[in-house]
Amino acid sequence: MLQVTNSTMKDFLDSLLTDVQAAIELHQKGLPAPFSIRFLGNVKAELEKMVTIMDPRIYRPSYPRFVLDWPEDSALGDRLLSASDLYGRIRPKKKPEEAR
């Protein structure tokens, strides 16, 4: 099974946050962008939670089915789904009280 570390996951999520913010800015400028601005705002909030919490036992995002079927920009949708999958593979360090 692929081992995902917090640092590599954080880097990936930070990169994804940058892409989501760029898509939001395209919407704000009236330019074509993937997904709706509302969806992107929700995704941005989820990604920020993921970066802060970094524990899929506490928080794990889920995306609606239309992300899979979005025709215009599957690259961002694919990255969102990959992030969700990889985030679920994080194995947080056990707290001292859990190790007993």
PDB file of N, CA and C in Angstrom:
ATOM      1  N   MET A   1       0.835  -1.179   0.000  1.00  0.00           N
ATOM      2  CA  MET A   1       0.000   0.000   0.000  1.00  0.00           C
ATOM      3  C   MET A   1       0.884   1.250   0.000  1.00  0.00           C
ATOM      4  N   LEU A   2       0.510   2.229  -0.771  1.00  0.00           N
ATOM      5  CA  LEU A   2       1.243   3.477  -0.862  1.00  0.00           C
ATOM      6  C   LEU A   2       1.207   4.210   0.472  1.00  0.00           C
ATOM      7  N   GLN A   3       2.386   4.581   0.964  1.00  0.00           N
ATOM      8  CA  GLN A   3       2.478   5.330   2.216  1.00  0.00           C
ATOM      9  C   GLN A   3       2.469   6.819   1.890  1.00  0.00           C
ATOM     10  N   VAL A   4       1.591   7.551   2.523  1.00  0.00           N
ATOM     11  CA  VAL A   4       1.481   8.989   2.306  1.00  0.00           C
ATOM     12  C   VAL A   4       1.924   9.687   3.576  1.00  0.00           C
ATOM     13  N   THR A   5       2.908  10.584   3.440  1.00  0.00           N
ATOM     14  CA  THR A   5       3.368  11.330   4.606  1.00  0.00           C
ATOM     15  C   THR A   5       2.640  12.666   4.689  1.00  0.00           C
ATOM     16  N   ASN A   6       2.620  13.225   5.870  1.00  0.00           N
ATOM     17  CA  ASN A   6       1.970  14.515   6.051  1.00  0.00           C
ATOM     18  C   ASN A   6       2.614  15.598   5.196  1.00  0.00           C
ATOM     19  N   SER A   7       3.949  15.579   5.078  1.00  0.00           N
ATOM     20  CA  SER A   7       4.619  16.641   4.324  1.00  0.00           C
ATOM     21  C   SER A   7       4.330  16.541   2.829  1.00  0.00           C
ATOM     22  N   THR A   8       4.341  15.336   2.262  1.00  0.00           N
ATOM     23  CA  THR A   8       4.028  15.225   0.834  1.00  0.00           C
ATOM     24  C   THR A   8       2.559  15.538   0.579  1.00  0.00           C
ATOM     25  N   MET A   9       1.691  15.152   1.496  1.00  0.00           N
ATOM     26  CA  MET A   9       0.266  15.451   1.341  1.00  0.00           C
ATOM     27  C   MET A   9       0.031  16.947   1.445  1.00  0.00           C
ATOM     28  N   LYS A  10       0.703  17.605   2.380  1.00  0.00           N
ATOM     29  CA  LYS A  10       0.543  19.046   2.534  1.00  0.00           C
ATOM     30  C   LYS A  10       0.994  19.764   1.267  1.00  0.00           C
ATOM     31  N   ASP A  11       2.113  19.348   0.693  1.00  0.00           N
ATOM     32  CA  ASP A  11       2.592  19.956  -0.556  1.00  0.00           C
ATOM     33  C   ASP A  11       1.562  19.794  -1.669  1.00  0.00           C
ATOM     34  N   PHE A  12       1.009  18.597  -1.785  1.00  0.00           N
ATOM     35  CA  PHE A  12       0.007  18.330  -2.818  1.00  0.00           C
ATOM     36  C   PHE A  12      -1.236  19.190  -2.596  1.00  0.00           C
ATOM     37  N   LEU A  13      -1.701  19.269  -1.351  1.00  0.00           N
ATOM     38  CA  LEU A  13      -2.890  20.066  -1.040  1.00  0.00           C
ATOM     39  C   LEU A  13      -2.638  21.552  -1.271  1.00  0.00           C
ATOM     40  N   ASP A  14      -1.447  22.032  -0.919  1.00  0.00           N
ATOM     41  CA  ASP A  14      -1.114  23.441  -1.165  1.00  0.00           C
ATOM     42  C   ASP A  14      -1.132  23.751  -2.657  1.00  0.00           C
ATOM     43  N   SER A  15      -0.600  22.842  -3.450  1.00  0.00           N
ATOM     44  CA  SER A  15      -0.615  23.004  -4.905  1.00  0.00           C
ATOM     45  C   SER A  15      -2.049  23.024  -5.436  1.00  0.00           C
ATOM     46  N   LEU A  16      -2.860  22.148  -4.915  1.00  0.00           N
ATOM     47  CA  LEU A  16      -4.260  22.074  -5.325  1.00  0.00           C
ATOM     48  C   LEU A  16      -5.022  23.326  -4.899  1.00  0.00           C
ATOM     49  N   LEU A  17      -4.737  23.832  -3.710  1.00  0.00           N
ATOM     50  CA  LEU A  17      -5.354  25.082  -3.253  1.00  0.00           C
ATOM     51  C   LEU A  17      -5.019  26.230  -4.199  1.00  0.00           C
ATOM     52  N   THR A  18      -3.779  26.275  -4.668  1.00  0.00           N
ATOM     53  CA  THR A  18      -3.364  27.306  -5.624  1.00  0.00           C
ATOM     54  C   THR A  18      -4.177  27.194  -6.909  1.00  0.00           C
ATOM     55  N   ASP A  19      -4.374  25.976  -7.395  1.00  0.00           N
ATOM     56  CA  ASP A  19      -5.154  25.765  -8.621  1.00  0.00           C
ATOM     57  C   ASP A  19      -6.618  26.147  -8.435  1.00  0.00           C
ATOM     58  N   VAL A  20      -7.181  25.808  -7.290  1.00  0.00           N
ATOM     59  CA  VAL A  20      -8.581  26.148  -7.010  1.00  0.00           C
ATOM     60  C   VAL A  20      -8.731  27.664  -6.911  1.00  0.00           C
ATOM     61  N   GLN A  21      -7.791  28.324  -6.236  1.00  0.00           N
ATOM     62  CA  GLN A  21      -7.842  29.783  -6.124  1.00  0.00           C
ATOM     63  C   GLN A  21      -7.725  30.428  -7.506  1.00  0.00           C
ATOM     64  N   ALA A  22      -6.881  29.888  -8.365  1.00  0.00           N
ATOM     65  CA  ALA A  22      -6.740  30.415  -9.726  1.00  0.00           C
ATOM     66  C   ALA A  22      -8.054  30.280 -10.495  1.00  0.00           C
ATOM     67  N   ALA A  23      -8.745  29.162 -10.326  1.00  0.00           N
ATOM     68  CA  ALA A  23     -10.036  28.962 -10.994  1.00  0.00           C
ATOM     69  C   ALA A  23     -11.076  29.948 -10.458  1.00  0.00           C
ATOM     70  N   ILE A  24     -11.055  30.203  -9.151  1.00  0.00           N
ATOM     71  CA  ILE A  24     -11.971  31.186  -8.558  1.00  0.00           C
ATOM     72  C   ILE A  24     -11.709  32.565  -9.163  1.00  0.00           C
ATOM     73  N   GLU A  25     -10.442  32.919  -9.292  1.00  0.00           N
ATOM     74  CA  GLU A  25     -10.085  34.222  -9.857  1.00  0.00           C
ATOM     75  C   GLU A  25     -10.518  34.336 -11.317  1.00  0.00           C
ATOM     76  N   LEU A  26     -10.433  33.253 -12.073  1.00  0.00           N
ATOM     77  CA  LEU A  26     -10.931  33.275 -13.454  1.00  0.00           C
ATOM     78  C   LEU A  26     -12.421  33.587 -13.470  1.00  0.00           C
ATOM     79  N   HIS A  27     -13.178  32.943 -12.597  1.00  0.00           N
ATOM     80  CA  HIS A  27     -14.616  33.217 -12.494  1.00  0.00           C
ATOM     81  C   HIS A  27     -14.861  34.688 -12.176  1.00  0.00           C
ATOM     82  N   GLN A  28     -14.103  35.224 -11.223  1.00  0.00           N
ATOM     83  CA  GLN A  28     -14.288  36.608 -10.795  1.00  0.00           C
ATOM     84  C   GLN A  28     -13.993  37.598 -11.915  1.00  0.00           C
ATOM     85  N   LYS A  29     -13.119  37.212 -12.837  1.00  0.00           N
ATOM     86  CA  LYS A  29     -12.787  38.065 -13.982  1.00  0.00           C
ATOM     87  C   LYS A  29     -13.728  37.834 -15.157  1.00  0.00           C
ATOM     88  N   GLY A  30     -14.681  36.917 -14.978  1.00  0.00           N
ATOM     89  CA  GLY A  30     -15.629  36.621 -16.045  1.00  0.00           C
ATOM     90  C   GLY A  30     -15.068  35.732 -17.141  1.00  0.00           C
ATOM     91  N   LEU A  31     -13.989  35.049 -16.850  1.00  0.00           N
ATOM     92  CA  LEU A  31     -13.356  34.163 -17.828  1.00  0.00           C
ATOM     93  C   LEU A  31     -13.817  32.729 -17.599  1.00  0.00           C
ATOM     94  N   PRO A  32     -13.700  31.898 -18.633  1.00  0.00           N
ATOM     95  CA  PRO A  32     -14.088  30.490 -18.470  1.00  0.00           C
ATOM     96  C   PRO A  32     -13.221  29.810 -17.404  1.00  0.00           C
ATOM     97  N   ALA A  33     -13.882  29.024 -16.573  1.00  0.00           N
ATOM     98  CA  ALA A  33     -13.181  28.305 -15.506  1.00  0.00           C
ATOM     99  C   ALA A  33     -13.938  27.020 -15.204  1.00  0.00           C
ATOM    100  N   PRO A  34     -13.223  26.019 -14.682  1.00  0.00           N
ATOM    101  CA  PRO A  34     -13.885  24.754 -14.363  1.00  0.00           C
ATOM    102  C   PRO A  34     -14.804  24.885 -13.155  1.00  0.00           C
ATOM    103  N   PHE A  35     -15.866  24.131 -13.166  1.00  0.00           N
ATOM    104  CA  PHE A  35     -16.823  24.055 -12.066  1.00  0.00           C
ATOM    105  C   PHE A  35     -17.456  25.421 -11.783  1.00  0.00           C
ATOM    106  N   SER A  36     -18.344  25.454 -10.836  1.00  0.00           N
ATOM    107  CA  SER A  36     -18.982  26.723 -10.468  1.00  0.00           C
ATOM    108  C   SER A  36     -18.158  27.397  -9.377  1.00  0.00           C
ATOM    109  N   ILE A  37     -18.299  28.691  -9.277  1.00  0.00           N
ATOM    110  CA  ILE A  37     -17.549  29.421  -8.252  1.00  0.00           C
ATOM    111  C   ILE A  37     -17.989  28.979  -6.853  1.00  0.00           C
ATOM    112  N   ARG A  38     -19.254  28.652  -6.699  1.00  0.00           N
ATOM    113  CA  ARG A  38     -19.746  28.179  -5.396  1.00  0.00           C
ATOM    114  C   ARG A  38     -19.084  26.848  -5.016  1.00  0.00           C
ATOM    115  N   PHE A  39     -19.041  25.923  -5.976  1.00  0.00           N
ATOM    116  CA  PHE A  39     -18.394  24.637  -5.719  1.00  0.00           C
ATOM    117  C   PHE A  39     -16.923  24.841  -5.381  1.00  0.00           C
ATOM    118  N   LEU A  40     -16.241  25.695  -6.144  1.00  0.00           N
ATOM    119  CA  LEU A  40     -14.821  25.943  -5.893  1.00  0.00           C
ATOM    120  C   LEU A  40     -14.591  26.555  -4.511  1.00  0.00           C
ATOM    121  N   GLY A  41     -15.491  27.432  -4.084  1.00  0.00           N
ATOM    122  CA  GLY A  41     -15.384  28.000  -2.740  1.00  0.00           C
ATOM    123  C   GLY A  41     -15.512  26.930  -1.669  1.00  0.00           C
ATOM    124  N   ASN A  42     -16.448  26.004  -1.880  1.00  0.00           N
ATOM    125  CA  ASN A  42     -16.612  24.887  -0.934  1.00  0.00           C
ATOM    126  C   ASN A  42     -15.377  23.991  -0.921  1.00  0.00           C
ATOM    127  N   VAL A  43     -14.844  23.720  -2.107  1.00  0.00           N
ATOM    128  CA  VAL A  43     -13.649  22.878  -2.216  1.00  0.00           C
ATOM    129  C   VAL A  43     -12.472  23.550  -1.518  1.00  0.00           C
ATOM    130  N   LYS A  44     -12.337  24.853  -1.720  1.00  0.00           N
ATOM    131  CA  LYS A  44     -11.242  25.585  -1.072  1.00  0.00           C
ATOM    132  C   LYS A  44     -11.331  25.430   0.448  1.00  0.00           C
ATOM    133  N   ALA A  45     -12.524  25.585   0.996  1.00  0.00           N
ATOM    134  CA  ALA A  45     -12.708  25.431   2.446  1.00  0.00           C
ATOM    135  C   ALA A  45     -12.366  24.009   2.894  1.00  0.00           C
ATOM    136  N   GLU A  46     -12.762  23.006   2.104  1.00  0.00           N
ATOM    137  CA  GLU A  46     -12.445  21.611   2.442  1.00  0.00           C
ATOM    138  C   GLU A  46     -10.941  21.360   2.413  1.00  0.00           C
ATOM    139  N   LEU A  47     -10.276  21.887   1.390  1.00  0.00           N
ATOM    140  CA  LEU A  47      -8.826  21.704   1.290  1.00  0.00           C
ATOM    141  C   LEU A  47      -8.110  22.368   2.465  1.00  0.00           C
ATOM    142  N   GLU A  48      -8.576  23.549   2.852  1.00  0.00           N
ATOM    143  CA  GLU A  48      -7.970  24.236   3.994  1.00  0.00           C
ATOM    144  C   GLU A  48      -8.154  23.423   5.277  1.00  0.00           C
ATOM    145  N   LYS A  49      -9.321  22.803   5.440  1.00  0.00           N
ATOM    146  CA  LYS A  49      -9.543  21.930   6.605  1.00  0.00           C
ATOM    147  C   LYS A  49      -8.599  20.731   6.558  1.00  0.00           C
ATOM    148  N   MET A  50      -8.451  20.158   5.369  1.00  0.00           N
ATOM    149  CA  MET A  50      -7.578  18.997   5.226  1.00  0.00           C
ATOM    150  C   MET A  50      -6.147  19.350   5.638  1.00  0.00           C
ATOM    151  N   VAL A  51      -5.654  20.515   5.182  1.00  0.00           N
ATOM    152  CA  VAL A  51      -4.290  20.942   5.504  1.00  0.00           C
ATOM    153  C   VAL A  51      -4.135  21.143   7.005  1.00  0.00           C
ATOM    154  N   THR A  52      -5.144  21.715   7.630  1.00  0.00           N
ATOM    155  CA  THR A  52      -5.082  21.996   9.063  1.00  0.00           C
ATOM    156  C   THR A  52      -5.179  20.729   9.904  1.00  0.00           C
ATOM    157  N   ILE A  53      -6.105  19.852   9.559  1.00  0.00           N
ATOM    158  CA  ILE A  53      -6.383  18.675  10.390  1.00  0.00           C
ATOM    159  C   ILE A  53      -5.423  17.522  10.106  1.00  0.00           C
ATOM    160  N   MET A  54      -5.186  17.219   8.852  1.00  0.00           N
ATOM    161  CA  MET A  54      -4.283  16.151   8.427  1.00  0.00           C
ATOM    162  C   MET A  54      -4.523  14.830   9.140  1.00  0.00           C
ATOM    163  N   ASP A  55      -5.775  14.473   9.292  1.00  0.00           N
ATOM    164  CA  ASP A  55      -6.120  13.195   9.911  1.00  0.00           C
ATOM    165  C   ASP A  55      -7.473  12.745   9.358  1.00  0.00           C
ATOM    166  N   PRO A  56      -7.470  11.753   8.459  1.00  0.00           N
ATOM    167  CA  PRO A  56      -8.732  11.313   7.852  1.00  0.00           C
ATOM    168  C   PRO A  56      -9.701  10.676   8.846  1.00  0.00           C
ATOM    169  N   ARG A  57      -9.216  10.348  10.042  1.00  0.00           N
ATOM    170  CA  ARG A  57     -10.135   9.820  11.057  1.00  0.00           C
ATOM    171  C   ARG A  57     -11.018  10.931  11.617  1.00  0.00           C
ATOM    172  N   ILE A  58     -10.539  12.161  11.534  1.00  0.00           N
ATOM    173  CA  ILE A  58     -11.273  13.305  12.069  1.00  0.00           C
ATOM    174  C   ILE A  58     -12.074  14.012  10.979  1.00  0.00           C
ATOM    175  N   TYR A  59     -11.458  14.215   9.817  1.00  0.00           N
ATOM    176  CA  TYR A  59     -12.138  14.917   8.722  1.00  0.00           C
ATOM    177  C   TYR A  59     -11.744  14.290   7.400  1.00  0.00           C
ATOM    178  N   ARG A  60     -12.736  14.029   6.574  1.00  0.00           N
ATOM    179  CA  ARG A  60     -12.489  13.488   5.241  1.00  0.00           C
ATOM    180  C   ARG A  60     -13.500  14.091   4.280  1.00  0.00           C
ATOM    181  N   PRO A  61     -13.024  14.747   3.216  1.00  0.00           N
ATOM    182  CA  PRO A  61     -13.945  15.379   2.278  1.00  0.00           C
ATOM    183  C   PRO A  61     -14.615  14.354   1.370  1.00  0.00           C
ATOM    184  N   SER A  62     -15.693  14.770   0.771  1.00  0.00           N
ATOM    185  CA  SER A  62     -16.324  13.948  -0.264  1.00  0.00           C
ATOM    186  C   SER A  62     -16.808  14.897  -1.347  1.00  0.00           C
ATOM    187  N   TYR A  63     -16.749  14.436  -2.567  1.00  0.00           N
ATOM    188  CA  TYR A  63     -17.136  15.273  -3.698  1.00  0.00           C
ATOM    189  C   TYR A  63     -18.332  14.667  -4.410  1.00  0.00           C
ATOM    190  N   PRO A  64     -19.212  15.526  -4.918  1.00  0.00           N
ATOM    191  CA  PRO A  64     -20.397  15.027  -5.630  1.00  0.00           C
ATOM    192  C   PRO A  64     -20.014  14.286  -6.908  1.00  0.00           C
ATOM    193  N   ARG A  65     -20.908  13.457  -7.356  1.00  0.00           N
ATOM    194  CA  ARG A  65     -20.675  12.641  -8.549  1.00  0.00           C
ATOM    195  C   ARG A  65     -20.317  13.476  -9.774  1.00  0.00           C
ATOM    196  N   PHE A  66     -20.866  14.698  -9.885  1.00  0.00           N
ATOM    197  CA  PHE A  66     -20.623  15.469 -11.099  1.00  0.00           C
ATOM    198  C   PHE A  66     -19.146  15.800 -11.299  1.00  0.00           C
ATOM    199  N   VAL A  67     -18.337  15.720 -10.245  1.00  0.00           N
ATOM    200  CA  VAL A  67     -16.900  15.951 -10.405  1.00  0.00           C
ATOM    201  C   VAL A  67     -16.326  14.911 -11.362  1.00  0.00           C
ATOM    202  N   LEU A  68     -16.787  13.689 -11.256  1.00  0.00           N
ATOM    203  CA  LEU A  68     -16.321  12.622 -12.149  1.00  0.00           C
ATOM    204  C   LEU A  68     -16.742  12.859 -13.591  1.00  0.00           C
ATOM    205  N   ASP A  69     -17.909  13.456 -13.763  1.00  0.00           N
ATOM    206  CA  ASP A  69     -18.490  13.603 -15.094  1.00  0.00           C
ATOM    207  C   ASP A  69     -18.260  14.970 -15.727  1.00  0.00           C
ATOM    208  N   TRP A  70     -17.549  15.856 -15.052  1.00  0.00           N
ATOM    209  CA  TRP A  70     -17.368  17.217 -15.556  1.00  0.00           C
ATOM    210  C   TRP A  70     -16.592  17.169 -16.871  1.00  0.00           C
ATOM    211  N   PRO A  71     -17.193  17.630 -17.977  1.00  0.00           N
ATOM    212  CA  PRO A  71     -16.562  17.466 -19.285  1.00  0.00           C
ATOM    213  C   PRO A  71     -15.457  18.472 -19.598  1.00  0.00           C
ATOM    214  N   GLU A  72     -15.575  19.701 -19.117  1.00  0.00           N
ATOM    215  CA  GLU A  72     -14.664  20.750 -19.563  1.00  0.00           C
ATOM    216  C   GLU A  72     -13.262  20.646 -18.985  1.00  0.00           C
ATOM    217  N   ASP A  73     -13.135  20.230 -17.751  1.00  0.00           N
ATOM    218  CA  ASP A  73     -11.819  20.229 -17.138  1.00  0.00           C
ATOM    219  C   ASP A  73     -11.652  19.047 -16.206  1.00  0.00           C
ATOM    220  N   SER A  74     -11.352  17.933 -16.782  1.00  0.00           N
ATOM    221  CA  SER A  74     -11.214  16.744 -15.948  1.00  0.00           C
ATOM    222  C   SER A  74      -9.924  16.760 -15.133  1.00  0.00           C
ATOM    223  N   ALA A  75      -8.940  17.573 -15.524  1.00  0.00           N
ATOM    224  CA  ALA A  75      -7.666  17.591 -14.799  1.00  0.00           C
ATOM    225  C   ALA A  75      -7.857  18.050 -13.356  1.00  0.00           C
ATOM    226  N   LEU A  76      -8.575  19.135 -13.140  1.00  0.00           N
ATOM    227  CA  LEU A  76      -8.802  19.610 -11.778  1.00  0.00           C
ATOM    228  C   LEU A  76      -9.667  18.618 -11.007  1.00  0.00           C
ATOM    229  N   GLY A  77     -10.690  18.095 -11.635  1.00  0.00           N
ATOM    230  CA  GLY A  77     -11.538  17.097 -10.985  1.00  0.00           C
ATOM    231  C   GLY A  77     -10.756  15.855 -10.612  1.00  0.00           C
ATOM    232  N   ASP A  78      -9.897  15.408 -11.514  1.00  0.00           N
ATOM    233  CA  ASP A  78      -9.061  14.238 -11.227  1.00  0.00           C
ATOM    234  C   ASP A  78      -8.141  14.499 -10.035  1.00  0.00           C
ATOM    235  N   ARG A  79      -7.573  15.697  -9.977  1.00  0.00           N
ATOM    236  CA  ARG A  79      -6.683  16.031  -8.858  1.00  0.00           C
ATOM    237  C   ARG A  79      -7.450  16.095  -7.540  1.00  0.00           C
ATOM    238  N   LEU A  80      -8.685  16.607  -7.587  1.00  0.00           N
ATOM    239  CA  LEU A  80      -9.502  16.651  -6.369  1.00  0.00           C
ATOM    240  C   LEU A  80      -9.789  15.241  -5.861  1.00  0.00           C
ATOM    241  N   LEU A  81     -10.135  14.361  -6.778  1.00  0.00           N
ATOM    242  CA  LEU A  81     -10.417  12.977  -6.385  1.00  0.00           C
ATOM    243  C   LEU A  81      -9.157  12.279  -5.880  1.00  0.00           C
ATOM    244  N   SER A  82      -8.023  12.559  -6.519  1.00  0.00           N
ATOM    245  CA  SER A  82      -6.754  11.990  -6.053  1.00  0.00           C
ATOM    246  C   SER A  82      -6.424  12.485  -4.651  1.00  0.00           C
ATOM    247  N   ALA A  83      -6.665  13.767  -4.411  1.00  0.00           N
ATOM    248  CA  ALA A  83      -6.387  14.333  -3.088  1.00  0.00           C
ATOM    249  C   ALA A  83      -7.228  13.639  -2.027  1.00  0.00           C
ATOM    250  N   SER A  84      -8.495  13.426  -2.331  1.00  0.00           N
ATOM    251  CA  SER A  84      -9.379  12.760  -1.376  1.00  0.00           C
ATOM    252  C   SER A  84      -8.891  11.343  -1.091  1.00  0.00           C
ATOM    253  N   ASP A  85      -8.499  10.633  -2.147  1.00  0.00           N
ATOM    254  CA  ASP A  85      -8.014   9.262  -1.990  1.00  0.00           C
ATOM    255  C   ASP A  85      -6.708   9.221  -1.194  1.00  0.00           C
ATOM    256  N   LEU A  86      -5.748  10.055  -1.577  1.00  0.00           N
ATOM    257  CA  LEU A  86      -4.456  10.063  -0.892  1.00  0.00           C
ATOM    258  C   LEU A  86      -4.589  10.514   0.559  1.00  0.00           C
ATOM    259  N   TYR A  87      -5.440  11.488   0.794  1.00  0.00           N
ATOM    260  CA  TYR A  87      -5.658  11.981   2.156  1.00  0.00           C
ATOM    261  C   TYR A  87      -6.170  10.849   3.052  1.00  0.00           C
ATOM    262  N   GLY A  88      -6.992  10.003   2.494  1.00  0.00           N
ATOM    263  CA  GLY A  88      -7.509   8.865   3.250  1.00  0.00           C
ATOM    264  C   GLY A  88      -6.445   7.852   3.611  1.00  0.00           C
ATOM    265  N   ARG A  89      -5.294   7.923   2.950  1.00  0.00           N
ATOM    266  CA  ARG A  89      -4.200   6.982   3.225  1.00  0.00           C
ATOM    267  C   ARG A  89      -3.202   7.496   4.258  1.00  0.00           C
ATOM    268  N   ILE A  90      -3.379   8.733   4.703  1.00  0.00           N
ATOM    269  CA  ILE A  90      -2.475   9.273   5.721  1.00  0.00           C
ATOM    270  C   ILE A  90      -2.602   8.420   6.971  1.00  0.00           C
ATOM    271  N   ARG A  91      -1.482   8.088   7.530  1.00  0.00           N
ATOM    272  CA  ARG A  91      -1.467   7.351   8.791  1.00  0.00           C
ATOM    273  C   ARG A  91      -0.880   8.279   9.843  1.00  0.00           C
ATOM    274  N   PRO A  92      -1.754   9.017  10.523  1.00  0.00           N
ATOM    275  CA  PRO A  92      -1.262   9.956  11.535  1.00  0.00           C
ATOM    276  C   PRO A  92      -0.533   9.226  12.654  1.00  0.00           C
ATOM    277  N   LYS A  93       0.434   9.927  13.236  1.00  0.00           N
ATOM    278  CA  LYS A  93       1.142   9.351  14.378  1.00  0.00           C
ATOM    279  C   LYS A  93       0.171   9.239  15.534  1.00  0.00           C
ATOM    280  N   LYS A  94       0.298   8.153  16.260  1.00  0.00           N
ATOM    281  CA  LYS A  94      -0.572   7.961  17.422  1.00  0.00           C
ATOM    282  C   LYS A  94      -0.137   8.891  18.543  1.00  0.00           C
ATOM    283  N   LYS A  95      -1.124   9.414  19.229  1.00  0.00           N
ATOM    284  CA  LYS A  95      -0.850  10.232  20.406  1.00  0.00           C
ATOM    285  C   LYS A  95      -0.413   9.291  21.517  1.00  0.00           C
ATOM    286  N   PRO A  96       0.392   9.787  22.472  1.00  0.00           N
ATOM    287  CA  PRO A  96       0.890   8.905  23.544  1.00  0.00           C
ATOM    288  C   PRO A  96      -0.213   8.109  24.236  1.00  0.00           C
ATOM    289  N   GLU A  97      -1.370   8.715  24.472  1.00  0.00           N
ATOM    290  CA  GLU A  97      -2.444   7.992  25.160  1.00  0.00           C
ATOM    291  C   GLU A  97      -3.056   6.900  24.285  1.00  0.00           C
ATOM    292  N   GLU A  98      -2.924   7.019  22.941  1.00  0.00           N
ATOM    293  CA  GLU A  98      -3.456   5.995  22.035  1.00  0.00           C
ATOM    294  C   GLU A  98      -2.495   4.819  21.897  1.00  0.00           C
ATOM    295  N   ALA A  99      -1.217   5.040  22.171  1.00  0.00           N
ATOM    296  CA  ALA A  99      -0.198   4.013  21.973  1.00  0.00           C
ATOM    297  C   ALA A  99      -0.257   2.925  23.044  1.00  0.00           C
ATOM    298  N   ARG A 100      -0.907   3.195  24.132  1.00  0.00           N
ATOM    299  CA  ARG A 100      -0.972   2.216  25.225  1.00  0.00           C
ATOM    300  C   ARG A 100      -1.829   1.049  24.897  1.00  0.00           C
TER     301      ARG A 100
END
